[in-house]
């Protein structure tokens, strides 16, 4: 089975366990180091395995007239360049500080790079690279990230299956096969009816050699339904945008979860893991007393004299399982009693020939 290690967590393909949960802060820190650190703390409190930021400069990401592809009623900025320019103030110095802070409180630091310079300075700060859906056809960028030889989380929003296979081929030809594929829908926000979580199942079938995950852009109102359904369908990595205040307008606040949402859903996942328990059928130590007292032994239905044949009319099965188990009923029928056996007496193996 394929295994990929991210930080201190090893993800084994197909194993039912708590998913690797990423709280994507993105640029919801709004250029404030205080807010960014607060959200790292909240993500840790909520049970996330990692926090993730976005590292870009507007000038290398989008042309000045690049149109918006988000809901303008939620985020009114009309060009990508203008939006990215608002949120590209953090760079190497800030991310080094945030990575150190995340390490201090015990949560993985990640950030999605959008250019080669970001790839280079983020390399020493994080255990895995995230490639955004929009870069799945960015061939030179895929090759460059693959060359760092770290695990890769590849989002597949707005992609054809052939485009996903092509990206995989590019990454693997560049020497990197440590790939997790994330189902994603590139709508901001994603309507619930467009989430298409069933695609996770299809991806598991089509990409059988790869771990599958899910990157969510739905509104946070039904976070438990979204997280649990995607997890049950096989998502072993789940990421969702994260904020300190869901009521704030603009950017990614409106479709993000907060610390309380995250805590609620991770508590539910932990409860289910506890209920799930072992994945191989066996009896438990806690059932030992029940096995002994609730199962049946072979019991004398009437008084039986020494030398009598043990026939069905002389025997009955009753609790507890302290003597000859009812499992051996057919083997006992026809045997000869070696002693007098009283009515309601439990048979033992020395009582018959």
Foldseek 3Di string as FASTA:
>chain_A
DDWADWDPDIDDAPDQDAFQEEAEQAQQCQPDLVFLLVQLVLCVLLPHQEYEYAADQLVLADDPAAADQADCVQAVDGHPSVVRNSRRPDDLVSLVVSLVSSVVVRHFYYYAYDDLVRLVSCLVRTQEYEHELVCLVVLVVLLSNLLSQGAYEYENAPHDPVSNVVSCVSSVVSPHNNYEYAYEHPYQQQEPVRQPLVVQLVCCVVVVVHQYAYEHRHALPPVLCVVVSNSVSRHRYYYFYEHCALPDGHDRSVRHDYSVSSNVNVVVSVVVCVVVPDPDDDDDPVCPVVLQFVFWFKFFQAKDAAFDFDAPVGIDIDDGNPAHGPVCVVVRHGWTAHHIHHGGGGDHPVGTD
